[in-house]
Every structure is written in C-alpha cells, then in structure tokens.
Amino acid sequence: MLMNVTYGLMTGIGTIDRLKKKATNTTGNSAEEPISLEDVFGMKRNITWLLPIEPMLPDYDRVVGFSMPQRLLREGGENTSVC
C-alpha cells in the first residue's frame, strides 16, 4: 500500500487510473504530473497534517478539484458565478 501511494505521488497517477491504462494498453500516453508534497501536507512547516484541521494549501480549489459556492462568495474571488 505504501508503494502504491509513493508511486502515485511520483507519477500523478492513482491506482484505478493506472489499472485502466494498463487494461487499455495506453500507459505510454500519460500526461499527468507528479503531485507536490505541498499539495499533500500543506504549506506550513509545523505538523498540522496529523490533526483534523483544514490545511493551508497553495491553491485549495486546484488541490481538492472543486470549489464550493459558499467559499467563492465568502472569499470574494474573481469567479463568483454559480453554475
């Protein structure tokens, strides 16, 4: 399991995506980039990833893959339209 996580961080490909690419024989057509350790553990130097608190991430929306409308409205971002 630790090897799968390490491989995923180094290549940017998760286990399911890797198995799908292997089944369709498209492993060479990969455009994923390695995952930054800042995206995993946050930006602060203290060990906050052990505690269940919201981490300080460089770009929260990019890391989690979505934006909540309430967060966009609260932070007053440039893209406040809700689709």
N, C-alpha and C. Protein backbone atom coordinates (compact mmCIF):
# COMPACT_ATOMS: atom_id res chain seq x y z
N MET A 1 0.81 -1.18 0.00
CA MET A 1 0.00 0.00 0.00
C MET A 1 0.87 1.26 0.00
N LEU A 2 1.90 1.26 0.78
CA LEU A 2 2.81 2.40 0.81
C LEU A 2 3.49 2.60 -0.54
N MET A 3 3.79 1.50 -1.21
CA MET A 3 4.40 1.59 -2.53
C MET A 3 3.43 2.21 -3.55
N ASN A 4 2.14 1.87 -3.47
CA ASN A 4 1.15 2.47 -4.36
C ASN A 4 1.02 3.97 -4.13
N VAL A 5 1.03 4.39 -2.87
CA VAL A 5 0.93 5.81 -2.56
C VAL A 5 2.17 6.55 -3.06
N THR A 6 3.33 5.99 -2.83
CA THR A 6 4.58 6.61 -3.30
C THR A 6 4.59 6.71 -4.82
N TYR A 7 4.19 5.65 -5.50
CA TYR A 7 4.13 5.66 -6.96
C TYR A 7 3.13 6.71 -7.45
N GLY A 8 2.00 6.82 -6.77
CA GLY A 8 1.01 7.82 -7.14
C GLY A 8 1.51 9.25 -6.98
N LEU A 9 2.25 9.51 -5.91
CA LEU A 9 2.82 10.84 -5.71
C LEU A 9 3.88 11.16 -6.76
N MET A 10 4.69 10.17 -7.10
CA MET A 10 5.78 10.40 -8.06
C MET A 10 5.27 10.56 -9.48
N THR A 11 4.21 9.86 -9.85
CA THR A 11 3.75 9.90 -11.23
C THR A 11 2.48 10.72 -11.43
N GLY A 12 1.71 10.93 -10.37
CA GLY A 12 0.45 11.65 -10.50
C GLY A 12 -0.70 10.77 -10.95
N ILE A 13 -0.47 9.48 -11.05
CA ILE A 13 -1.49 8.54 -11.49
C ILE A 13 -1.94 7.70 -10.30
N GLY A 14 -3.23 7.67 -10.05
CA GLY A 14 -3.77 6.85 -8.98
C GLY A 14 -3.87 5.40 -9.40
N THR A 15 -4.19 4.54 -8.45
CA THR A 15 -4.24 3.10 -8.71
C THR A 15 -5.29 2.75 -9.75
N ILE A 16 -6.48 3.31 -9.65
CA ILE A 16 -7.54 2.98 -10.60
C ILE A 16 -7.18 3.46 -12.00
N ASP A 17 -6.66 4.68 -12.10
CA ASP A 17 -6.25 5.19 -13.42
C ASP A 17 -5.14 4.34 -14.01
N ARG A 18 -4.20 3.92 -13.17
CA ARG A 18 -3.09 3.09 -13.65
C ARG A 18 -3.61 1.74 -14.17
N LEU A 19 -4.56 1.14 -13.45
CA LEU A 19 -5.12 -0.14 -13.88
C LEU A 19 -5.94 0.01 -15.17
N LYS A 20 -6.66 1.13 -15.32
CA LYS A 20 -7.42 1.37 -16.55
C LYS A 20 -6.47 1.52 -17.74
N LYS A 21 -5.38 2.27 -17.55
CA LYS A 21 -4.41 2.46 -18.63
C LYS A 21 -3.73 1.15 -18.99
N LYS A 22 -3.49 0.32 -18.00
CA LYS A 22 -2.87 -0.98 -18.25
C LYS A 22 -3.81 -1.88 -19.04
N ALA A 23 -5.11 -1.85 -18.71
CA ALA A 23 -6.10 -2.69 -19.39
C ALA A 23 -6.30 -2.27 -20.84
N THR A 24 -6.22 -0.96 -21.10
CA THR A 24 -6.41 -0.48 -22.47
C THR A 24 -5.10 -0.30 -23.22
N ASN A 25 -4.00 -0.65 -22.57
CA ASN A 25 -2.66 -0.57 -23.16
C ASN A 25 -2.31 0.86 -23.61
N THR A 26 -2.63 1.84 -22.75
CA THR A 26 -2.31 3.23 -23.04
C THR A 26 -1.42 3.84 -21.96
N THR A 27 -0.57 3.05 -21.37
CA THR A 27 0.27 3.57 -20.28
C THR A 27 1.30 4.58 -20.78
N GLY A 28 1.66 4.51 -22.04
CA GLY A 28 2.63 5.46 -22.58
C GLY A 28 2.04 6.82 -22.89
N ASN A 29 0.71 6.92 -22.96
CA ASN A 29 0.04 8.18 -23.29
C ASN A 29 -0.34 8.95 -22.04
N SER A 30 0.55 9.05 -21.12
CA SER A 30 0.26 9.68 -19.84
C SER A 30 0.70 11.14 -19.85
N ALA A 31 -0.19 12.03 -19.39
CA ALA A 31 0.13 13.46 -19.33
C ALA A 31 0.08 13.99 -17.90
N GLU A 32 -0.03 13.11 -16.92
CA GLU A 32 -0.12 13.52 -15.53
C GLU A 32 1.24 13.99 -15.02
N GLU A 33 1.21 14.92 -14.07
CA GLU A 33 2.43 15.43 -13.47
C GLU A 33 2.53 14.94 -12.04
N PRO A 34 3.74 14.85 -11.50
CA PRO A 34 3.89 14.42 -10.10
C PRO A 34 3.14 15.35 -9.15
N ILE A 35 2.71 14.80 -8.04
CA ILE A 35 1.97 15.57 -7.05
C ILE A 35 2.95 16.21 -6.08
N SER A 36 2.81 17.49 -5.89
CA SER A 36 3.68 18.23 -4.99
C SER A 36 3.42 17.84 -3.54
N LEU A 37 4.46 17.76 -2.74
CA LEU A 37 4.27 17.44 -1.32
C LEU A 37 3.52 18.55 -0.59
N GLU A 38 3.58 19.78 -1.12
CA GLU A 38 2.79 20.88 -0.56
C GLU A 38 1.30 20.59 -0.70
N ASP A 39 0.91 19.93 -1.79
CA ASP A 39 -0.49 19.58 -2.00
C ASP A 39 -0.95 18.50 -1.04
N VAL A 40 -0.05 17.69 -0.56
CA VAL A 40 -0.40 16.60 0.35
C VAL A 40 -0.40 17.07 1.80
N PHE A 41 0.67 17.75 2.21
CA PHE A 41 0.84 18.09 3.62
C PHE A 41 0.53 19.55 3.95
N GLY A 42 0.41 20.42 2.98
CA GLY A 42 0.15 21.83 3.23
C GLY A 42 1.43 22.64 3.21
N MET A 43 1.28 23.96 3.38
CA MET A 43 2.42 24.86 3.23
C MET A 43 3.17 25.13 4.52
N LYS A 44 2.51 25.00 5.65
CA LYS A 44 3.18 25.33 6.91
C LYS A 44 4.19 24.27 7.28
N ARG A 45 5.19 24.67 8.03
CA ARG A 45 6.25 23.75 8.41
C ARG A 45 5.90 22.90 9.63
N ASN A 46 4.94 23.35 10.43
CA ASN A 46 4.58 22.55 11.60
C ASN A 46 3.71 21.37 11.18
N ILE A 47 3.62 20.39 12.03
CA ILE A 47 2.96 19.13 11.69
C ILE A 47 1.46 19.25 11.95
N THR A 48 0.75 19.93 11.05
CA THR A 48 -0.69 20.07 11.21
C THR A 48 -1.44 18.96 10.50
N TRP A 49 -0.77 18.19 9.66
CA TRP A 49 -1.47 17.14 8.92
C TRP A 49 -1.86 15.97 9.81
N LEU A 50 -1.36 15.92 11.03
CA LEU A 50 -1.79 14.89 11.97
C LEU A 50 -3.13 15.23 12.61
N LEU A 51 -3.47 16.50 12.66
CA LEU A 51 -4.69 16.96 13.30
C LEU A 51 -5.79 17.15 12.26
N PRO A 52 -7.04 16.93 12.63
CA PRO A 52 -8.14 17.09 11.68
C PRO A 52 -8.57 18.55 11.50
N ILE A 53 -7.68 19.38 10.97
CA ILE A 53 -7.99 20.77 10.70
C ILE A 53 -7.78 21.04 9.22
N GLU A 54 -8.31 22.15 8.74
CA GLU A 54 -8.16 22.49 7.33
C GLU A 54 -6.72 22.93 7.07
N PRO A 55 -6.01 22.27 6.16
CA PRO A 55 -4.61 22.61 5.92
C PRO A 55 -4.48 23.90 5.12
N MET A 56 -3.33 24.52 5.21
CA MET A 56 -3.00 25.69 4.40
C MET A 56 -2.42 25.18 3.08
N LEU A 57 -3.21 25.24 2.03
CA LEU A 57 -2.78 24.74 0.73
C LEU A 57 -2.50 25.92 -0.20
N PRO A 58 -1.57 25.76 -1.14
CA PRO A 58 -1.24 26.87 -2.04
C PRO A 58 -2.43 27.31 -2.88
N ASP A 59 -3.19 26.37 -3.44
CA ASP A 59 -4.40 26.67 -4.22
C ASP A 59 -5.42 25.60 -3.87
N TYR A 60 -6.25 25.90 -2.88
CA TYR A 60 -7.17 24.91 -2.31
C TYR A 60 -8.08 24.30 -3.37
N ASP A 61 -8.63 25.14 -4.24
CA ASP A 61 -9.58 24.64 -5.24
C ASP A 61 -8.92 23.70 -6.24
N ARG A 62 -7.69 23.97 -6.62
CA ARG A 62 -6.97 23.09 -7.55
C ARG A 62 -6.66 21.76 -6.89
N VAL A 63 -6.27 21.79 -5.63
CA VAL A 63 -5.89 20.57 -4.92
C VAL A 63 -7.08 19.65 -4.72
N VAL A 64 -8.20 20.19 -4.25
CA VAL A 64 -9.36 19.34 -3.99
C VAL A 64 -10.17 19.06 -5.24
N GLY A 65 -10.01 19.87 -6.28
CA GLY A 65 -10.66 19.61 -7.55
C GLY A 65 -12.03 20.25 -7.73
N PHE A 66 -12.48 21.05 -6.78
CA PHE A 66 -13.77 21.73 -6.91
C PHE A 66 -13.80 22.93 -5.98
N SER A 67 -14.78 23.81 -6.20
CA SER A 67 -14.99 24.97 -5.33
C SER A 67 -16.42 24.97 -4.83
N MET A 68 -16.59 25.24 -3.58
CA MET A 68 -17.93 25.36 -3.02
C MET A 68 -18.42 26.78 -3.27
N PRO A 69 -19.68 26.96 -3.68
CA PRO A 69 -20.19 28.31 -3.93
C PRO A 69 -20.08 29.22 -2.71
N GLN A 70 -20.32 28.66 -1.51
CA GLN A 70 -20.23 29.47 -0.30
C GLN A 70 -18.81 30.00 -0.11
N ARG A 71 -17.82 29.18 -0.43
CA ARG A 71 -16.42 29.61 -0.28
C ARG A 71 -16.09 30.71 -1.28
N LEU A 72 -16.57 30.57 -2.51
CA LEU A 72 -16.31 31.59 -3.52
C LEU A 72 -16.93 32.93 -3.12
N LEU A 73 -18.16 32.88 -2.62
CA LEU A 73 -18.82 34.11 -2.22
C LEU A 73 -18.16 34.71 -0.98
N ARG A 74 -17.75 33.87 -0.02
CA ARG A 74 -17.12 34.35 1.20
C ARG A 74 -15.77 35.00 0.93
N GLU A 75 -14.98 34.38 0.05
CA GLU A 75 -13.65 34.92 -0.22
C GLU A 75 -13.66 36.01 -1.27
N GLY A 76 -14.79 36.21 -1.95
CA GLY A 76 -14.88 37.29 -2.92
C GLY A 76 -13.96 37.08 -4.10
N GLY A 77 -13.83 35.84 -4.55
CA GLY A 77 -12.96 35.54 -5.68
C GLY A 77 -13.47 36.15 -6.96
N GLU A 78 -12.62 36.14 -7.98
CA GLU A 78 -12.99 36.74 -9.25
C GLU A 78 -14.07 35.94 -9.97
N ASN A 79 -14.19 34.64 -9.70
CA ASN A 79 -15.20 33.81 -10.34
C ASN A 79 -16.26 33.46 -9.29
N THR A 80 -17.24 34.34 -9.13
CA THR A 80 -18.28 34.11 -8.11
C THR A 80 -19.57 33.59 -8.71
N SER A 81 -19.59 33.31 -10.00
CA SER A 81 -20.82 32.79 -10.60
C SER A 81 -21.01 31.34 -10.21
N VAL A 82 -22.22 30.96 -9.92
CA VAL A 82 -22.55 29.60 -9.52
C VAL A 82 -23.27 28.93 -10.69
N CYS A 83 -22.69 27.86 -11.19
CA CYS A 83 -23.30 27.16 -12.35
C CYS A 83 -24.14 26.02 -11.89
